[in-house]
Amino acid sequence: MMAVTAKLVKELRDKTGAGMMDCKKALTETDGDIDKAIKLLKEKGQATLDKKADRIAAEGVIGSYIHNNKIGVIVEINTETDFSANTDSVKEFARNIAMHIAALNPLYVSEEDADEKDVAEQKEILINQALNEANDNMPQDKKEMIAHKKVEGRLKKYFKDVCLLDQQYIKNPDLTVEQYLRDTANNVGENIKIRRFARFEVGEGLEKKEENFADEVQSQIKG
């Protein structure tokens, strides 16, 4: 069976606009055949029928948000045309995403963007945690088998916590950021992508008095 890589999942997502987990499942069911996976997603109604995601998004806008001069975020939102980039819908989307990033502090746009070294380190930490939870009387091979099964689920939760597109949208928890992105793209009638972002917090990485500005942002948004 062909390995379903993050690169292959990203290619299928770019071609169909379907969600990451739907793409992974389709590729697994079709043994990594991307053409068959596209067909399967269409049959299930999970592919974007007008193939917006096939179209190049090279224009765009920079969204920004500053919270009490303590947290600052800039995010690049790409669109197909300069006209759509200057619409109120896209500008509002860009600002909302910047605000979301300020509040929830994601590390990556999506799982495909995650640093392989960081993921390997996180996986090792989770495996060791799972091994430590095992019964001392259990054989080592069984401990490792159970640990690896636990890690699969915990790694999914980790990505949900740190990947922007997988996070619950701060202003509407019924949606993920990816769903909010797709809704906006459908409203605008063009392909829209969140390309990259940067988040800055005063004193980050320095020893200082404990203050949680991210929680403060969340409370103000929800309030």
Protein backbone atom coordinates (compact mmCIF):
# COMPACT_ATOMS: atom_id res chain seq x y z
CA MET A 1 0.00 0.00 0.00
CA MET A 2 1.32 3.42 -0.94
CA ALA A 3 2.12 5.73 1.97
CA VAL A 4 -0.22 8.71 2.25
CA THR A 5 2.19 11.61 2.76
CA ALA A 6 1.40 15.15 3.89
CA LYS A 7 2.56 16.37 0.46
CA LEU A 8 0.04 14.10 -1.28
CA VAL A 9 -2.75 15.25 1.04
CA LYS A 10 -1.88 18.90 0.34
CA GLU A 11 -1.94 18.27 -3.44
CA LEU A 12 -5.39 16.68 -3.18
CA ARG A 13 -6.67 19.53 -1.00
CA ASP A 14 -5.38 22.08 -3.51
CA LYS A 15 -7.14 20.26 -6.34
CA THR A 16 -10.48 19.70 -4.61
CA GLY A 17 -10.87 22.13 -1.73
CA ALA A 18 -11.92 19.20 0.47
CA GLY A 19 -10.97 19.00 4.15
CA MET A 20 -7.70 17.47 5.29
CA MET A 21 -9.24 14.41 6.97
CA ASP A 22 -11.53 13.78 3.97
CA CYS A 23 -8.47 13.90 1.68
CA LYS A 24 -6.49 11.53 3.90
CA LYS A 25 -9.38 9.06 4.00
CA ALA A 26 -9.91 9.23 0.23
CA LEU A 27 -6.20 8.66 -0.47
CA THR A 28 -6.11 5.73 1.95
CA GLU A 29 -9.16 4.14 0.31
CA THR A 30 -7.66 4.58 -3.17
CA ASP A 31 -4.14 3.44 -2.23
CA GLY A 32 -2.66 6.88 -2.88
CA ASP A 33 -4.08 7.26 -6.41
CA ILE A 34 -4.86 10.98 -6.58
CA ASP A 35 -7.15 10.75 -9.65
CA LYS A 36 -9.24 8.04 -8.01
CA ALA A 37 -9.28 10.03 -4.78
CA ILE A 38 -10.63 13.11 -6.61
CA LYS A 39 -13.36 10.97 -8.16
CA LEU A 40 -14.23 9.48 -4.76
CA LEU A 41 -14.46 12.91 -3.13
CA LYS A 42 -16.74 14.14 -5.92
CA GLU A 43 -18.99 11.12 -5.50
CA LYS A 44 -19.24 11.86 -1.78
CA GLY A 45 -19.88 15.53 -2.45
CA GLN A 46 -16.77 16.60 -0.55
CA ALA A 47 -14.93 18.16 -3.47
CA THR A 48 -15.53 21.77 -4.44
CA LEU A 49 -17.50 21.32 -7.64
CA ASP A 50 -16.44 24.57 -9.24
CA LYS A 51 -12.79 23.74 -8.43
CA LYS A 52 -12.05 27.13 -6.94
CA ALA A 53 -9.04 25.57 -5.27
CA ASP A 54 -7.50 24.82 -8.70
CA ARG A 55 -7.32 28.51 -9.49
CA ILE A 56 -4.20 30.49 -8.64
CA ALA A 57 -4.50 32.93 -5.75
CA ALA A 58 -1.60 35.34 -6.19
CA GLU A 59 -3.21 38.65 -5.22
CA GLY A 60 -4.30 39.42 -1.71
CA VAL A 61 -4.22 41.57 1.37
CA ILE A 62 -2.33 41.81 4.65
CA GLY A 63 -4.53 41.65 7.72
CA SER A 64 -3.33 42.92 11.09
CA TYR A 65 -4.45 43.15 14.68
CA ILE A 66 -2.81 44.75 17.73
CA HIS A 67 -4.13 44.06 21.22
CA ASN A 68 -3.37 46.69 23.87
CA ASN A 69 0.08 47.22 22.32
CA LYS A 70 1.06 43.83 23.80
CA ILE A 71 0.23 41.34 21.04
CA GLY A 72 0.59 42.01 17.33
CA VAL A 73 -0.33 39.80 14.37
CA ILE A 74 0.09 40.15 10.63
CA VAL A 75 -1.38 37.60 8.22
CA GLU A 76 -1.20 37.26 4.44
CA ILE A 77 -4.49 36.35 2.74
CA ASN A 78 -4.25 35.44 -0.95
CA THR A 79 -7.05 35.88 -3.49
CA GLU A 80 -7.33 35.43 -7.24
CA THR A 81 -7.88 39.09 -8.08
CA ASP A 82 -6.95 42.46 -6.64
CA PHE A 83 -10.63 43.42 -6.87
CA SER A 84 -11.72 40.71 -4.43
CA ALA A 85 -8.77 41.46 -2.14
CA ASN A 86 -10.17 44.96 -1.66
CA THR A 87 -13.73 43.87 -0.86
CA ASP A 88 -15.09 44.35 2.64
CA SER A 89 -15.62 40.58 2.96
CA VAL A 90 -11.95 39.74 2.41
CA LYS A 91 -10.69 42.63 4.54
CA GLU A 92 -12.99 41.58 7.37
CA PHE A 93 -11.86 37.97 6.98
CA ALA A 94 -8.20 39.03 7.16
CA ARG A 95 -8.76 41.07 10.33
CA ASN A 96 -10.81 38.32 11.96
CA ILE A 97 -8.11 35.75 11.24
CA ALA A 98 -5.44 38.07 12.66
CA MET A 99 -7.58 38.50 15.79
CA HIS A 100 -8.04 34.72 16.04
CA ILE A 101 -4.28 34.17 15.79
CA ALA A 102 -3.70 36.74 18.56
CA ALA A 103 -6.12 34.85 20.82
CA LEU A 104 -5.27 31.19 20.12
CA ASN A 105 -1.60 31.44 19.11
CA PRO A 106 -1.41 28.68 16.44
CA LEU A 107 2.04 27.50 15.34
CA TYR A 108 1.26 26.58 11.72
CA VAL A 109 -1.32 27.30 9.05
CA SER A 110 -1.96 23.58 8.51
CA GLU A 111 -0.52 20.18 9.35
CA GLU A 112 1.34 20.17 6.03
CA ASP A 113 3.25 23.28 7.14
CA ALA A 114 4.38 21.75 10.43
CA ASP A 115 8.12 21.44 10.92
CA GLU A 116 9.08 17.75 10.65
CA LYS A 117 11.61 18.05 13.47
CA ASP A 118 9.02 19.63 15.79
CA VAL A 119 6.49 16.91 14.94
CA ALA A 120 9.07 14.15 15.56
CA GLU A 121 9.94 15.68 18.95
CA GLN A 122 6.28 15.99 19.90
CA LYS A 123 5.64 12.38 18.85
CA GLU A 124 8.57 11.18 20.98
CA ILE A 125 7.24 13.10 24.00
CA LEU A 126 3.76 11.58 23.53
CA ILE A 127 5.17 8.06 23.16
CA ASN A 128 7.18 8.41 26.37
CA GLN A 129 4.11 9.75 28.18
CA ALA A 130 2.06 6.77 26.99
CA LEU A 131 4.79 4.31 28.01
CA ASN A 132 4.92 5.83 31.48
CA GLU A 133 1.16 5.33 31.80
CA ALA A 134 1.43 1.60 31.08
CA ASN A 135 1.17 -1.07 33.74
CA ASP A 136 4.65 -2.02 35.04
CA ASN A 137 3.79 -5.72 34.76
CA MET A 138 2.91 -5.44 31.08
CA PRO A 139 5.42 -6.89 28.53
CA GLN A 140 7.50 -4.19 26.81
CA ASP A 141 6.30 -5.05 23.29
CA LYS A 142 2.67 -4.71 24.40
CA LYS A 143 3.47 -1.42 26.15
CA GLU A 144 4.95 -0.05 22.92
CA MET A 145 2.02 -1.27 20.81
CA ILE A 146 -0.53 0.41 23.09
CA ALA A 147 1.62 3.55 23.34
CA HIS A 148 1.76 3.96 19.55
CA LYS A 149 -2.02 3.56 19.29
CA LYS A 150 -2.53 6.23 21.95
CA VAL A 151 -0.10 8.55 20.19
CA GLU A 152 -2.10 8.49 16.94
CA GLY A 153 -5.11 10.05 18.67
CA ARG A 154 -3.05 12.43 20.77
CA LEU A 155 -1.09 13.63 17.76
CA LYS A 156 -4.36 14.45 15.98
CA LYS A 157 -5.43 16.47 19.02
CA TYR A 158 -2.04 18.21 19.03
CA PHE A 159 -2.45 19.30 15.41
CA LYS A 160 -6.00 20.45 16.13
CA ASP A 161 -4.60 22.66 18.87
CA VAL A 162 -1.63 24.13 16.96
CA CYS A 163 -2.76 24.27 13.30
CA LEU A 164 -4.74 27.38 12.40
CA LEU A 165 -7.08 25.75 9.88
CA ASP A 166 -8.03 22.99 12.35
CA GLN A 167 -8.79 25.31 15.26
CA GLN A 168 -12.33 26.26 16.23
CA TYR A 169 -12.93 29.77 14.97
CA ILE A 170 -12.82 32.09 17.98
CA LYS A 171 -15.89 34.15 16.98
CA ASN A 172 -18.00 31.10 16.06
CA PRO A 173 -16.86 27.82 17.71
CA ASP A 174 -19.36 25.89 15.57
CA LEU A 175 -16.95 26.44 12.66
CA THR A 176 -13.30 25.58 12.19
CA VAL A 177 -11.11 28.26 10.65
CA GLU A 178 -10.99 26.13 7.49
CA GLN A 179 -14.80 26.11 7.27
CA TYR A 180 -14.87 29.87 7.81
CA LEU A 181 -12.29 30.20 5.00
CA ARG A 182 -14.36 28.08 2.63
CA ASP A 183 -17.56 29.97 3.47
CA THR A 184 -15.80 33.26 2.72
CA ALA A 185 -14.41 31.89 -0.55
CA ASN A 186 -17.89 30.78 -1.62
CA ASN A 187 -19.32 34.21 -0.75
CA VAL A 188 -16.60 36.02 -2.68
CA GLY A 189 -16.68 33.53 -5.57
CA GLU A 190 -12.91 33.11 -5.64
CA ASN A 191 -10.22 30.89 -4.22
CA ILE A 192 -8.88 32.31 -0.94
CA LYS A 193 -5.87 31.05 0.98
CA ILE A 194 -4.21 31.87 4.27
CA ARG A 195 -0.60 31.83 3.19
CA ARG A 196 1.38 32.75 6.30
CA PHE A 197 1.31 34.74 9.51
CA ALA A 198 3.53 36.15 12.21
CA ARG A 199 2.57 36.74 15.84
CA PHE A 200 4.51 38.88 18.28
CA GLU A 201 3.99 39.19 22.01
CA VAL A 202 5.84 41.70 24.17
CA GLY A 203 8.48 39.96 26.26
CA GLU A 204 7.93 36.58 24.62
CA GLY A 205 10.87 34.32 25.41
CA LEU A 206 12.08 36.58 28.22
CA GLU A 207 11.74 35.99 31.93
CA LYS A 208 8.90 38.17 33.18
CA LYS A 209 5.87 38.38 35.41
CA GLU A 210 3.22 35.81 34.44
CA GLU A 211 0.55 37.47 32.28
CA ASN A 212 -1.81 35.77 29.85
CA PHE A 213 -2.56 38.26 27.10
CA ALA A 214 -4.03 35.53 24.86
CA ASP A 215 -6.78 34.84 27.41
CA GLU A 216 -7.40 38.57 27.61
CA VAL A 217 -7.86 38.75 23.82
CA GLN A 218 -10.28 35.82 23.90
CA SER A 219 -12.37 37.35 26.67
CA GLN A 220 -12.66 40.66 24.82
CA ILE A 221 -13.64 38.95 21.55
CA LYS A 222 -16.29 36.83 23.25
CA GLY A 223 -17.49 39.78 25.29
